[in-house]
Protein backbone atom coordinates (compact mmCIF):
# COMPACT_ATOMS: atom_id res chain seq x y z
CA UNK A 1 -3.10 -3.50 -0.32
CA UNK A 2 -4.84 -0.15 -0.30
CA UNK A 3 -5.51 1.48 3.02
CA UNK A 4 -3.13 -0.51 5.16
CA UNK A 5 -0.95 1.33 7.64
CA UNK A 6 2.29 -0.52 6.98
CA UNK A 7 2.58 0.58 3.36
CA UNK A 8 6.40 0.46 3.71
CA UNK A 9 7.39 -2.62 1.70
CA UNK A 10 4.52 -2.07 -0.75
CA UNK A 11 6.31 1.04 -2.00
CA UNK A 12 9.09 -1.15 -3.38
CA UNK A 13 8.89 -2.51 -6.93
CA UNK A 14 11.48 -5.15 -5.96
CA UNK A 15 9.22 -6.39 -3.17
CA UNK A 16 6.18 -6.34 -5.50
CA UNK A 17 7.98 -8.55 -8.02
CA UNK A 18 9.00 -10.98 -5.27
CA UNK A 19 5.42 -10.94 -3.93
CA UNK A 20 4.15 -11.85 -7.39
CA UNK A 21 6.24 -15.03 -7.42
CA UNK A 22 4.31 -16.47 -4.46
CA UNK A 23 1.42 -18.83 -4.99
CA UNK A 24 -1.62 -17.06 -6.39
CA UNK A 25 -4.68 -17.68 -4.29
CA UNK A 26 -7.59 -18.75 -6.42
CA UNK A 27 -10.86 -16.95 -5.94
CA UNK A 28 -11.32 -14.54 -8.82
CA UNK A 29 -14.09 -16.79 -10.14
CA UNK A 30 -16.12 -15.75 -7.12
CA UNK A 31 -16.11 -12.12 -8.33
CA UNK A 32 -17.96 -13.09 -11.52
CA UNK A 33 -17.21 -10.31 -13.98
CA UNK A 34 -19.94 -9.93 -16.59
CA UNK A 35 -20.14 -8.28 -20.00
CA UNK A 36 -20.15 -4.51 -19.82
CA UNK A 37 -19.89 -4.02 -16.04
CA UNK A 38 -17.69 -1.40 -14.42
CA UNK A 39 -15.68 -3.06 -11.65
CA UNK A 40 -13.63 -1.68 -8.77
CA UNK A 41 -10.75 -3.59 -7.18
CA UNK A 42 -10.35 -1.85 -3.80
CA UNK A 43 -6.83 -3.17 -3.17
CA UNK A 44 -5.55 -4.27 -6.53
CA UNK A 45 -1.95 -4.94 -5.47
CA UNK A 46 -0.05 -6.41 -8.41
CA UNK A 47 -3.25 -7.13 -10.32
CA UNK A 48 -3.49 -10.82 -9.45
CA UNK A 49 -7.28 -10.92 -9.37
CA UNK A 50 -8.03 -8.05 -11.73
CA UNK A 51 -6.19 -9.63 -14.65
CA UNK A 52 -8.10 -12.88 -14.11
CA UNK A 53 -11.40 -10.98 -14.30
CA UNK A 54 -10.82 -8.93 -17.43
CA UNK A 55 -11.58 -11.74 -19.92
CA UNK A 56 -15.12 -11.73 -18.52
CA UNK A 57 -15.51 -8.03 -19.36
CA UNK A 58 -15.44 -7.81 -23.16
CA UNK A 59 -17.22 -4.45 -23.05
CA UNK A 60 -16.59 -3.46 -19.44
CA UNK A 61 -13.74 -1.94 -17.46
CA UNK A 62 -11.93 -2.34 -14.17
CA UNK A 63 -10.46 0.32 -11.86
CA UNK A 64 -7.67 -0.91 -9.60
CA UNK A 65 -6.83 1.20 -6.53
CA UNK A 66 -3.87 0.65 -4.24
CA UNK A 67 -1.81 2.66 -1.74
CA UNK A 68 1.47 0.90 -2.54
CA UNK A 69 3.43 2.54 -5.36
CA UNK A 70 5.58 -0.54 -5.89
CA UNK A 71 2.55 -2.79 -6.14
CA UNK A 72 0.95 -0.45 -8.69
CA UNK A 73 4.12 -0.30 -10.76
CA UNK A 74 4.21 -4.08 -10.91
CA UNK A 75 0.52 -4.08 -11.91
CA UNK A 76 1.37 -1.61 -14.70
CA UNK A 77 4.12 -3.93 -15.94
CA UNK A 78 1.67 -6.82 -16.08
CA UNK A 79 -0.99 -4.67 -17.70
CA UNK A 80 1.44 -3.80 -20.50
CA UNK A 81 2.40 -7.46 -20.94
CA UNK A 82 -1.26 -8.49 -21.12
CA UNK A 83 -2.23 -5.45 -23.22
CA UNK A 84 -5.10 -4.96 -20.78
CA UNK A 85 -6.29 -1.54 -21.92
CA UNK A 86 -9.49 -1.57 -19.87
CA UNK A 87 -7.64 -1.96 -16.56
CA UNK A 88 -7.13 1.50 -15.05
CA UNK A 89 -4.71 1.87 -12.13
CA UNK A 90 -5.01 4.62 -9.52
CA UNK A 91 -2.97 5.45 -6.43
CA UNK A 92 -5.27 5.79 -3.43
CA UNK A 93 -6.52 4.42 -0.13
CA UNK A 94 -9.55 2.21 0.39
CA UNK A 95 -10.82 4.59 3.07
CA UNK A 96 -10.93 7.45 0.53
CA UNK A 97 -11.47 5.85 -2.87
CA UNK A 98 -10.75 8.14 -5.85
CA UNK A 99 -13.96 7.04 -7.58
CA UNK A 100 -17.13 9.07 -8.12
CA UNK A 101 -20.41 8.31 -6.34
CA UNK A 102 -22.32 5.47 -7.98
CA UNK A 103 -19.57 5.03 -10.55
CA UNK A 104 -19.25 1.23 -10.53
CA UNK A 105 -21.51 -1.79 -10.83
CA UNK A 106 -19.47 -4.10 -8.65
CA UNK A 107 -16.64 -3.69 -6.14
CA UNK A 108 -14.50 -6.42 -4.70
CA UNK A 109 -12.02 -6.70 -1.87
CA UNK A 110 -9.92 -9.86 -2.03
CA UNK A 111 -7.66 -10.83 0.88
CA UNK A 112 -7.22 -7.21 1.91
CA UNK A 113 -9.88 -6.10 4.42
CA UNK A 114 -7.76 -7.29 7.36
CA UNK A 115 -5.00 -4.88 6.26
CA UNK A 116 -7.12 -1.73 6.22
CA UNK A 117 -6.62 0.99 8.83
CA UNK A 118 -10.41 1.42 9.10
CA UNK A 119 -12.36 -1.48 7.54
CA UNK A 120 -15.74 0.15 8.23
CA UNK A 121 -14.69 3.36 6.47
CA UNK A 122 -13.42 1.31 3.51
CA UNK A 123 -16.70 -0.60 3.21
CA UNK A 124 -18.67 2.63 3.44
CA UNK A 125 -16.52 4.02 0.64
CA UNK A 126 -17.25 0.95 -1.45
CA UNK A 127 -20.95 1.50 -0.83
CA UNK A 128 -20.62 5.13 -1.98
CA UNK A 129 -19.01 4.13 -5.28
CA UNK A 130 -21.66 1.52 -6.11
CA UNK A 131 -24.78 2.28 -8.12
CA UNK A 132 -28.18 1.36 -6.60
CA UNK A 133 -28.47 -2.40 -6.83
CA UNK A 134 -24.68 -2.74 -7.16
CA UNK A 135 -22.74 -5.46 -5.39
CA UNK A 136 -19.73 -5.69 -3.09
CA UNK A 137 -17.85 -9.00 -2.90
CA UNK A 138 -15.52 -9.57 0.07
CA UNK A 139 -13.15 -12.55 0.24
CA UNK A 140 -11.10 -12.63 3.43
CA UNK A 141 -9.64 -15.03 6.01
CA UNK A 142 -11.86 -15.52 9.07
CA UNK A 143 -11.06 -16.76 12.55
CA UNK A 144 -13.13 -19.21 14.55
CA UNK A 145 -16.06 -17.76 16.56
CA UNK A 146 -15.14 -16.50 20.02
CA UNK A 147 -16.91 -18.76 22.52
CA UNK A 148 -14.94 -18.07 25.69
CA UNK A 149 -11.76 -16.54 27.14
CA UNK A 150 -9.54 -19.16 25.50
CA UNK A 151 -10.82 -18.24 22.05
CA UNK A 152 -10.41 -14.53 22.82
CA UNK A 153 -6.81 -15.11 23.92
CA UNK A 154 -6.02 -17.11 20.78
CA UNK A 155 -7.52 -14.42 18.54
CA UNK A 156 -5.48 -11.76 20.35
CA UNK A 157 -2.28 -13.81 19.92
CA UNK A 158 -2.93 -14.37 16.20
CA UNK A 159 -3.38 -10.67 15.55
CA UNK A 160 -0.45 -9.66 17.77
CA UNK A 161 1.92 -11.96 15.87
CA UNK A 162 0.76 -10.73 12.46
CA UNK A 163 0.91 -7.09 13.59
CA UNK A 164 4.62 -7.46 14.29
CA UNK A 165 5.15 -7.67 10.53
CA UNK A 166 2.13 -5.90 9.06
CA UNK A 167 1.55 -3.01 11.46
CA UNK A 168 -0.84 -2.24 14.33
CA UNK A 169 -3.97 -1.96 12.16
CA UNK A 170 -3.76 -5.56 10.92
CA UNK A 171 -6.77 -7.48 12.23
CA UNK A 172 -8.19 -10.85 11.24
CA UNK A 173 -11.91 -11.06 12.01
CA UNK A 174 -14.48 -13.71 12.73
CA UNK A 175 -17.33 -14.09 10.24
CA UNK A 176 -19.64 -12.36 12.73
CA UNK A 177 -17.26 -9.37 12.97
CA UNK A 178 -17.01 -9.15 9.18
CA UNK A 179 -20.78 -9.27 8.71
CA UNK A 180 -21.20 -6.69 11.48
CA UNK A 181 -19.05 -4.24 9.52
CA UNK A 182 -21.06 -4.86 6.36
CA UNK A 183 -24.33 -4.35 8.25
CA UNK A 184 -23.13 -1.09 9.81
CA UNK A 185 -22.19 0.18 6.36
CA UNK A 186 -25.77 -0.33 5.20
CA UNK A 187 -25.14 -3.32 2.95
CA UNK A 188 -27.46 -6.29 2.65
CA UNK A 189 -25.67 -9.65 2.71
CA UNK A 190 -27.14 -11.74 -0.10
CA UNK A 191 -24.82 -14.75 -0.12
CA UNK A 192 -22.21 -16.05 2.31
CA UNK A 193 -20.00 -19.08 2.24
CA UNK A 194 -17.03 -20.26 4.28
CA UNK A 195 -14.30 -22.19 2.49
CA UNK A 196 -11.84 -24.34 4.40
CA UNK A 197 -8.30 -24.90 3.23
CA UNK A 198 -7.15 -28.29 4.56
CA UNK A 199 -3.47 -29.17 4.63
CA UNK A 200 -1.20 -31.96 5.82
CA UNK A 201 2.30 -31.15 4.66
CA UNK A 202 5.89 -30.37 5.46
CA UNK A 203 6.57 -26.64 5.75
CA UNK A 204 4.24 -23.66 5.20
CA UNK A 205 4.69 -23.37 1.43
CA UNK A 206 1.36 -22.78 -0.30
CA UNK A 207 -0.50 -21.86 2.88
CA UNK A 208 -1.54 -18.18 2.73
CA UNK A 209 0.75 -16.27 5.13
CA UNK A 210 2.07 -19.66 6.20
CA UNK A 211 5.30 -18.51 7.91
CA UNK A 212 3.33 -16.10 10.12
CA UNK A 213 0.90 -18.86 11.07
CA UNK A 214 3.89 -20.97 12.12
CA UNK A 215 4.97 -18.07 14.35
CA UNK A 216 1.50 -18.08 15.93
CA UNK A 217 1.69 -21.83 16.62
CA UNK A 218 5.11 -21.44 18.23
CA UNK A 219 3.92 -18.54 20.38
CA UNK A 220 1.00 -20.62 21.67
CA UNK A 221 3.17 -23.68 22.25
CA UNK A 222 5.19 -21.69 24.76
CA UNK A 223 2.07 -20.55 26.65
CA UNK A 224 -0.68 -22.21 28.65
CA UNK A 225 -1.39 -25.85 27.62
CA UNK A 226 -5.11 -25.07 27.27
CA UNK A 227 -4.38 -22.42 24.63
CA UNK A 228 -2.17 -24.78 22.63
CA UNK A 229 -4.80 -27.55 22.78
CA UNK A 230 -7.63 -25.26 21.67
CA UNK A 231 -5.56 -23.79 18.84
CA UNK A 232 -4.63 -27.24 17.57
CA UNK A 233 -8.27 -28.38 17.73
CA UNK A 234 -9.58 -25.33 15.85
CA UNK A 235 -6.71 -24.54 13.48
CA UNK A 236 -3.73 -26.85 13.02
CA UNK A 237 -0.95 -28.78 14.67
CA UNK A 238 2.66 -27.77 14.13
CA UNK A 239 5.14 -30.56 14.83
CA UNK A 240 8.84 -29.78 14.63
CA UNK A 241 11.69 -32.25 14.40
CA UNK A 242 15.35 -31.79 13.57
CA UNK A 243 14.65 -32.29 9.88
CA UNK A 244 11.08 -31.21 9.22
CA UNK A 245 8.16 -29.02 10.18
CA UNK A 246 4.80 -30.77 9.83
CA UNK A 247 1.57 -28.76 9.57
CA UNK A 248 -1.82 -30.45 9.69
CA UNK A 249 -5.19 -28.77 9.98
CA UNK A 250 -7.22 -26.02 8.31
CA UNK A 251 -7.70 -22.29 7.80
CA UNK A 252 -11.00 -20.64 6.86
CA UNK A 253 -11.96 -17.99 4.30
CA UNK A 254 -15.29 -16.22 3.96
CA UNK A 255 -16.89 -15.12 0.72
CA UNK A 256 -19.69 -12.60 1.28
CA UNK A 257 -21.66 -10.90 -1.49
CA UNK A 258 -23.64 -7.80 -0.53
CA UNK A 259 -26.01 -5.53 -2.41
CA UNK A 260 -26.88 -1.88 -2.25
CA UNK A 261 -30.61 -1.51 -1.58
CA UNK A 262 -32.17 -0.28 -4.84
């Protein structure tokens, strides 16, 4: 998770191994590695996405950058196991990528932008590393559009709850906020799509950051009834009994592909 402020736990190899046991979010197919391309994984973590992409690079290479030493060590373990010789791992922050100007054909940032201390600086760094005509692919959770004060209050509560664990820089964005950052960095959005993860299940297992989302639902349940009703309409219901916790609703993820003007 390169660039995030709360590096703390990401320094630990023990944590990285535990992190790797969680459900792997699918999405590497969206990065579309091809042939002899040079790719950059801006927050490679334990290599979850990078190692899925390498088979599509028979003559290419992939640079994985991360600020967490424990995460990188776990990625090195997996690289050795997979004998992935074209996967190069580098300690560094997304806001100051240790990659030369124009050095890669494609950069991707999967489920990490919301962790970065300065997302705009990170995107500008990605732009710097890309050759003319190169592409940046961002895959990140997105919140519902802010239509009024209720939506603003819900967004503030979501980020406040997550910041308690992940640090003060953690910030989920709306699609408009995400695209605004990409525009300010001088990138041209070529494709955009919003995926919705629907669920109706007991417990948060399998839902990305599920336990934290349960904390959000509980925080809003104890507040104004209007906030709880809007959250349940836009996100999910959280029903607790003595024996079970039932979650029903959806979360959204945006996939945006941008290009560097040639």
